[in-house]
Amino acid sequence: MKRQIVYFNEPGPQNTDAVLDAVLDRAKEDAFKYLVVATGGPTLLKAVKRIRAAKLPLQAVGVTLQAGTWKTYGEPDWKLLKEAQELGAQVITATHSLMGNVESAIHSKFGGIPPVELIAHTYYTFSQGTKVAVEIALTAVDAGIVPAGTDILSVAGSGQGADTAFVLKAVSTVDFFDLKIREVLCIPH
């Protein structure tokens, strides 16, 4: 099998359209059922509109930052998320499995680095979006929206927008080591 990987010179939201192009092109090749997107609103809405325009049978699932981080990073744009939901998307706000959980609180209060943060920082060596793309897949399965073991399209980024996309086998957090990144579609370098 031969596939193209899109490499971006810089991470960031300026890559969002190219990521969605690559993801939707890939979705046309195989029968994916789920597109999971890290979002504060704009990226999910853009993805849902493009899915509908392409008449693809993809269920869009948006995963927002957890509420405990809104004070630092800002609350999602609920108006855009509601519009995406009206177009058929589902939205999840939940604790993140790799960062921002109880182990992160222990780290903040007492120091040291918990094992889960070592995993997160290992993913960061590829890109911030790599860690997030894995994490949102776990969240979608944990929430019961995506069935465990399903190959999905996962889209994430570095702050806002999208610059990373994978095909991956999604699993629940309790089965973390069964998750498989099957294909890299887009990534900043």
C-alpha atoms as a PDB file:
ATOM      1  CA  MET A   1       0.000   0.000   0.000  1.00  0.00           C
ATOM      2  CA  LYS A   2       1.268   3.464  -0.851  1.00  0.00           C
ATOM      3  CA  ARG A   3      -0.163   6.609   0.730  1.00  0.00           C
ATOM      4  CA  GLN A   4       0.778  10.265   0.813  1.00  0.00           C
ATOM      5  CA  ILE A   5       1.560  12.073   4.077  1.00  0.00           C
ATOM      6  CA  VAL A   6       1.134  15.836   4.230  1.00  0.00           C
ATOM      7  CA  TYR A   7       3.903  17.534   6.224  1.00  0.00           C
ATOM      8  CA  PHE A   8       3.395  21.124   7.347  1.00  0.00           C
ATOM      9  CA  ASN A   9       6.345  23.475   7.816  1.00  0.00           C
ATOM     10  CA  GLU A  10       4.698  25.043  10.862  1.00  0.00           C
ATOM     11  CA  PRO A  11       2.014  23.809  13.260  1.00  0.00           C
ATOM     12  CA  GLY A  12      -1.158  25.834  13.593  1.00  0.00           C
ATOM     13  CA  PRO A  13      -4.648  26.660  12.414  1.00  0.00           C
ATOM     14  CA  GLN A  14      -3.522  27.797   8.947  1.00  0.00           C
ATOM     15  CA  ASN A  15      -3.318  24.062   8.122  1.00  0.00           C
ATOM     16  CA  THR A  16      -6.942  23.255   8.978  1.00  0.00           C
ATOM     17  CA  ASP A  17      -8.314  23.278   5.430  1.00  0.00           C
ATOM     18  CA  ALA A  18      -5.478  21.093   4.126  1.00  0.00           C
ATOM     19  CA  VAL A  19      -6.022  18.633   7.002  1.00  0.00           C
ATOM     20  CA  LEU A  20      -9.743  18.407   6.265  1.00  0.00           C
ATOM     21  CA  ASP A  21      -8.984  17.944   2.555  1.00  0.00           C
ATOM     22  CA  ALA A  22      -6.673  15.019   3.348  1.00  0.00           C
ATOM     23  CA  VAL A  23      -9.095  13.468   5.838  1.00  0.00           C
ATOM     24  CA  LEU A  24     -12.111  13.679   3.543  1.00  0.00           C
ATOM     25  CA  ASP A  25     -10.084  12.324   0.619  1.00  0.00           C
ATOM     26  CA  ARG A  26      -9.079   9.384   2.822  1.00  0.00           C
ATOM     27  CA  ALA A  27     -12.680   8.912   3.989  1.00  0.00           C
ATOM     28  CA  LYS A  28     -13.757   8.517   0.357  1.00  0.00           C
ATOM     29  CA  GLU A  29     -11.371   5.560  -0.054  1.00  0.00           C
ATOM     30  CA  ASP A  30     -12.657   3.427   2.831  1.00  0.00           C
ATOM     31  CA  ALA A  31     -15.851   3.097   4.824  1.00  0.00           C
ATOM     32  CA  PHE A  32     -14.917   5.010   7.964  1.00  0.00           C
ATOM     33  CA  LYS A  33     -17.838   5.683  10.274  1.00  0.00           C
ATOM     34  CA  TYR A  34     -16.297   8.248  12.631  1.00  0.00           C
ATOM     35  CA  LEU A  35     -14.318  11.463  12.384  1.00  0.00           C
ATOM     36  CA  VAL A  36     -13.198  12.593  15.840  1.00  0.00           C
ATOM     37  CA  VAL A  37     -12.084  16.221  16.065  1.00  0.00           C
ATOM     38  CA  ALA A  38     -10.424  18.184  18.866  1.00  0.00           C
ATOM     39  CA  THR A  39     -12.370  21.428  18.889  1.00  0.00           C
ATOM     40  CA  GLY A  40     -13.430  24.594  20.584  1.00  0.00           C
ATOM     41  CA  GLY A  41     -16.129  24.916  17.923  1.00  0.00           C
ATOM     42  CA  PRO A  42     -14.773  26.242  14.613  1.00  0.00           C
ATOM     43  CA  THR A  43     -12.923  23.112  13.456  1.00  0.00           C
ATOM     44  CA  LEU A  44     -15.837  20.783  14.194  1.00  0.00           C
ATOM     45  CA  LEU A  45     -18.335  23.040  12.444  1.00  0.00           C
ATOM     46  CA  LYS A  46     -16.083  23.325   9.391  1.00  0.00           C
ATOM     47  CA  ALA A  47     -15.628  19.534   9.336  1.00  0.00           C
ATOM     48  CA  VAL A  48     -19.354  18.824   9.624  1.00  0.00           C
ATOM     49  CA  LYS A  49     -20.225  21.231   6.828  1.00  0.00           C
ATOM     50  CA  ARG A  50     -17.626  19.637   4.573  1.00  0.00           C
ATOM     51  CA  ILE A  51     -18.808  16.095   5.441  1.00  0.00           C
ATOM     52  CA  ARG A  52     -22.364  17.069   4.517  1.00  0.00           C
ATOM     53  CA  ALA A  53     -21.280  18.774   1.292  1.00  0.00           C
ATOM     54  CA  ALA A  54     -19.324  15.652   0.300  1.00  0.00           C
ATOM     55  CA  LYS A  55     -22.283  13.445   1.315  1.00  0.00           C
ATOM     56  CA  LEU A  56     -20.012  11.168   3.319  1.00  0.00           C
ATOM     57  CA  PRO A  57     -21.541   8.775   5.876  1.00  0.00           C
ATOM     58  CA  LEU A  58     -19.211  10.002   8.643  1.00  0.00           C
ATOM     59  CA  GLN A  59     -20.374  10.697  12.181  1.00  0.00           C
ATOM     60  CA  ALA A  60     -18.486  13.774  13.386  1.00  0.00           C
ATOM     61  CA  VAL A  61     -17.564  13.766  17.065  1.00  0.00           C
ATOM     62  CA  GLY A  62     -16.097  16.901  18.627  1.00  0.00           C
ATOM     63  CA  VAL A  63     -14.063  16.689  21.824  1.00  0.00           C
ATOM     64  CA  THR A  64     -13.613  19.964  23.686  1.00  0.00           C
ATOM     65  CA  LEU A  65     -11.109  20.904  26.329  1.00  0.00           C
ATOM     66  CA  GLN A  66     -12.277  19.781  29.729  1.00  0.00           C
ATOM     67  CA  ALA A  67     -14.046  22.375  31.880  1.00  0.00           C
ATOM     68  CA  GLY A  68     -11.165  22.505  34.374  1.00  0.00           C
ATOM     69  CA  THR A  69      -8.933  24.082  31.725  1.00  0.00           C
ATOM     70  CA  TRP A  70     -11.336  26.749  30.454  1.00  0.00           C
ATOM     71  CA  LYS A  71     -10.033  29.358  32.911  1.00  0.00           C
ATOM     72  CA  THR A  72      -6.578  29.002  31.347  1.00  0.00           C
ATOM     73  CA  TYR A  73      -7.379  28.252  27.693  1.00  0.00           C
ATOM     74  CA  GLY A  74     -10.874  29.645  27.200  1.00  0.00           C
ATOM     75  CA  GLU A  75     -14.311  28.127  27.022  1.00  0.00           C
ATOM     76  CA  PRO A  76     -15.537  26.486  23.800  1.00  0.00           C
ATOM     77  CA  ASP A  77     -17.687  28.519  21.429  1.00  0.00           C
ATOM     78  CA  TRP A  78     -21.039  27.012  22.384  1.00  0.00           C
ATOM     79  CA  LYS A  79     -22.862  28.746  19.540  1.00  0.00           C
ATOM     80  CA  LEU A  80     -20.638  27.057  16.934  1.00  0.00           C
ATOM     81  CA  LEU A  81     -20.821  23.710  18.745  1.00  0.00           C
ATOM     82  CA  LYS A  82     -24.618  23.945  18.841  1.00  0.00           C
ATOM     83  CA  GLU A  83     -24.661  24.679  15.105  1.00  0.00           C
ATOM     84  CA  ALA A  84     -22.443  21.630  14.508  1.00  0.00           C
ATOM     85  CA  GLN A  85     -24.786  19.510  16.632  1.00  0.00           C
ATOM     86  CA  GLU A  86     -27.771  20.730  14.634  1.00  0.00           C
ATOM     87  CA  LEU A  87     -25.949  19.427  11.548  1.00  0.00           C
ATOM     88  CA  GLY A  88     -25.527  16.011  13.196  1.00  0.00           C
ATOM     89  CA  ALA A  89     -22.272  16.207  15.170  1.00  0.00           C
ATOM     90  CA  GLN A  90     -21.908  14.934  18.703  1.00  0.00           C
ATOM     91  CA  VAL A  91     -19.906  16.892  21.288  1.00  0.00           C
ATOM     92  CA  ILE A  92     -18.044  15.550  24.310  1.00  0.00           C
ATOM     93  CA  THR A  93     -16.524  17.499  27.190  1.00  0.00           C
ATOM     94  CA  ALA A  94     -14.665  15.143  29.532  1.00  0.00           C
ATOM     95  CA  THR A  95     -11.496  14.632  31.539  1.00  0.00           C
ATOM     96  CA  HIS A  96      -8.485  14.087  29.324  1.00  0.00           C
ATOM     97  CA  SER A  97      -6.766  10.770  29.805  1.00  0.00           C
ATOM     98  CA  LEU A  98      -3.153  11.820  29.211  1.00  0.00           C
ATOM     99  CA  MET A  99      -2.968  15.313  30.709  1.00  0.00           C
ATOM    100  CA  GLY A 100      -5.240  17.262  33.022  1.00  0.00           C
ATOM    101  CA  ASN A 101      -6.313  14.326  35.163  1.00  0.00           C
ATOM    102  CA  VAL A 102      -5.686  13.287  38.787  1.00  0.00           C
ATOM    103  CA  GLU A 103      -2.060  12.408  38.032  1.00  0.00           C
ATOM    104  CA  SER A 104      -1.577  15.924  36.666  1.00  0.00           C
ATOM    105  CA  ALA A 105      -2.961  17.348  39.918  1.00  0.00           C
ATOM    106  CA  ILE A 106      -0.471  15.231  41.891  1.00  0.00           C
ATOM    107  CA  HIS A 107       2.331  16.524  39.664  1.00  0.00           C
ATOM    108  CA  SER A 108       1.249  20.150  40.199  1.00  0.00           C
ATOM    109  CA  LYS A 109       0.971  19.828  43.961  1.00  0.00           C
ATOM    110  CA  PHE A 110       3.864  17.525  44.828  1.00  0.00           C
ATOM    111  CA  GLY A 111       6.227  17.526  41.847  1.00  0.00           C
ATOM    112  CA  GLY A 112       7.653  14.607  39.936  1.00  0.00           C
ATOM    113  CA  ILE A 113       6.207  13.354  36.708  1.00  0.00           C
ATOM    114  CA  PRO A 114       3.584  10.630  36.625  1.00  0.00           C
ATOM    115  CA  PRO A 115       3.849   7.826  34.070  1.00  0.00           C
ATOM    116  CA  VAL A 116       0.853   9.055  32.048  1.00  0.00           C
ATOM    117  CA  GLU A 117       2.560  12.422  31.508  1.00  0.00           C
ATOM    118  CA  LEU A 118       5.661  10.604  30.245  1.00  0.00           C
ATOM    119  CA  ILE A 119       3.433   8.989  27.636  1.00  0.00           C
ATOM    120  CA  ALA A 120       1.924  12.385  26.751  1.00  0.00           C
ATOM    121  CA  HIS A 121       5.345  14.005  26.401  1.00  0.00           C
ATOM    122  CA  THR A 122       6.530  11.129  24.232  1.00  0.00           C
ATOM    123  CA  TYR A 123       3.658  11.860  21.844  1.00  0.00           C
ATOM    124  CA  TYR A 124       4.665  15.547  21.932  1.00  0.00           C
ATOM    125  CA  THR A 125       7.984  14.564  20.344  1.00  0.00           C
ATOM    126  CA  PHE A 126       5.958  13.955  17.175  1.00  0.00           C
ATOM    127  CA  SER A 127       3.621  16.952  17.648  1.00  0.00           C
ATOM    128  CA  GLN A 128       1.170  18.369  20.133  1.00  0.00           C
ATOM    129  CA  GLY A 129      -1.578  17.234  17.790  1.00  0.00           C
ATOM    130  CA  THR A 130      -0.330  13.639  17.988  1.00  0.00           C
ATOM    131  CA  LYS A 131      -0.972  13.532  21.732  1.00  0.00           C
ATOM    132  CA  VAL A 132      -4.348  15.194  21.294  1.00  0.00           C
ATOM    133  CA  ALA A 133      -5.421  12.944  18.394  1.00  0.00           C
ATOM    134  CA  VAL A 134      -4.770   9.877  20.541  1.00  0.00           C
ATOM    135  CA  GLU A 135      -6.437  11.415  23.580  1.00  0.00           C
ATOM    136  CA  ILE A 136      -9.654  12.401  21.795  1.00  0.00           C
ATOM    137  CA  ALA A 137      -9.970   8.907  20.329  1.00  0.00           C
ATOM    138  CA  LEU A 138      -9.770   7.488  23.857  1.00  0.00           C
ATOM    139  CA  THR A 139     -12.372  10.020  25.009  1.00  0.00           C
ATOM    140  CA  ALA A 140     -14.797   9.141  22.198  1.00  0.00           C
ATOM    141  CA  VAL A 141     -14.637   5.436  23.104  1.00  0.00           C
ATOM    142  CA  ASP A 142     -14.825   6.129  26.853  1.00  0.00           C
ATOM    143  CA  ALA A 143     -17.968   8.217  26.249  1.00  0.00           C
ATOM    144  CA  GLY A 144     -19.603   5.311  24.414  1.00  0.00           C
ATOM    145  CA  ILE A 145     -19.900   7.138  21.092  1.00  0.00           C
ATOM    146  CA  VAL A 146     -17.227   5.240  19.147  1.00  0.00           C
ATOM    147  CA  PRO A 147     -17.149   1.439  19.544  1.00  0.00           C
ATOM    148  CA  ALA A 148     -13.827   0.087  20.839  1.00  0.00           C
ATOM    149  CA  GLY A 149     -11.663  -1.428  18.129  1.00  0.00           C
ATOM    150  CA  THR A 150     -13.072   0.806  15.382  1.00  0.00           C
ATOM    151  CA  ASP A 151     -10.723   2.408  12.875  1.00  0.00           C
ATOM    152  CA  ILE A 152     -11.439   6.141  12.897  1.00  0.00           C
ATOM    153  CA  LEU A 153     -10.136   9.375  11.470  1.00  0.00           C
ATOM    154  CA  SER A 154      -8.747  11.553  14.259  1.00  0.00           C
ATOM    155  CA  VAL A 155      -7.998  15.260  13.770  1.00  0.00           C
ATOM    156  CA  ALA A 156      -6.217  17.529  16.235  1.00  0.00           C
ATOM    157  CA  GLY A 157      -3.860  20.459  16.353  1.00  0.00           C
ATOM    158  CA  SER A 158      -1.495  22.679  18.240  1.00  0.00           C
ATOM    159  CA  GLY A 159      -3.706  25.093  20.102  1.00  0.00           C
ATOM    160  CA  GLN A 160      -6.409  26.050  17.610  1.00  0.00           C
ATOM    161  CA  GLY A 161      -7.422  24.616  14.288  1.00  0.00           C
ATOM    162  CA  ALA A 162      -5.973  21.382  12.951  1.00  0.00           C
ATOM    163  CA  ASP A 163      -2.508  20.341  11.810  1.00  0.00           C
ATOM    164  CA  THR A 164      -2.484  16.608  12.587  1.00  0.00           C
ATOM    165  CA  ALA A 165      -4.604  13.728  11.300  1.00  0.00           C
ATOM    166  CA  PHE A 166      -4.378   9.966  11.703  1.00  0.00           C
ATOM    167  CA  VAL A 167      -6.240   6.807  10.936  1.00  0.00           C
ATOM    168  CA  LEU A 168      -6.173   4.926  14.207  1.00  0.00           C
ATOM    169  CA  LYS A 169      -7.747   1.996  15.986  1.00  0.00           C
ATOM    170  CA  ALA A 170      -9.678   3.617  18.809  1.00  0.00           C
ATOM    171  CA  VAL A 171      -9.890   1.938  22.191  1.00  0.00           C
ATOM    172  CA  SER A 172     -10.994   2.784  25.708  1.00  0.00           C
ATOM    173  CA  THR A 173      -8.512   4.313  28.120  1.00  0.00           C
ATOM    174  CA  VAL A 174      -8.431   1.066  30.107  1.00  0.00           C
ATOM    175  CA  ASP A 175      -7.147  -0.675  26.960  1.00  0.00           C
ATOM    176  CA  PHE A 176      -4.743   2.142  26.052  1.00  0.00           C
ATOM    177  CA  PHE A 177      -1.924  -0.121  24.881  1.00  0.00           C
ATOM    178  CA  ASP A 178      -4.206  -1.708  22.276  1.00  0.00           C
ATOM    179  CA  LEU A 179      -4.599   1.639  20.471  1.00  0.00           C
ATOM    180  CA  LYS A 180      -2.848   1.615  17.101  1.00  0.00           C
ATOM    181  CA  ILE A 181      -1.890   4.536  14.894  1.00  0.00           C
ATOM    182  CA  ARG A 182      -2.469   2.907  11.527  1.00  0.00           C
ATOM    183  CA  GLU A 183      -1.730   5.825   9.189  1.00  0.00           C
ATOM    184  CA  VAL A 184      -0.316   9.320   9.417  1.00  0.00           C
ATOM    185  CA  LEU A 185      -2.307  11.591   7.108  1.00  0.00           C
ATOM    186  CA  CYS A 186      -0.962  15.002   8.169  1.00  0.00           C
ATOM    187  CA  ILE A 187       1.565  16.232  10.703  1.00  0.00           C
ATOM    188  CA  PRO A 188       3.714  19.322  11.255  1.00  0.00           C
ATOM    189  CA  HIS A 189       7.468  18.792  11.222  1.00  0.00           C
END
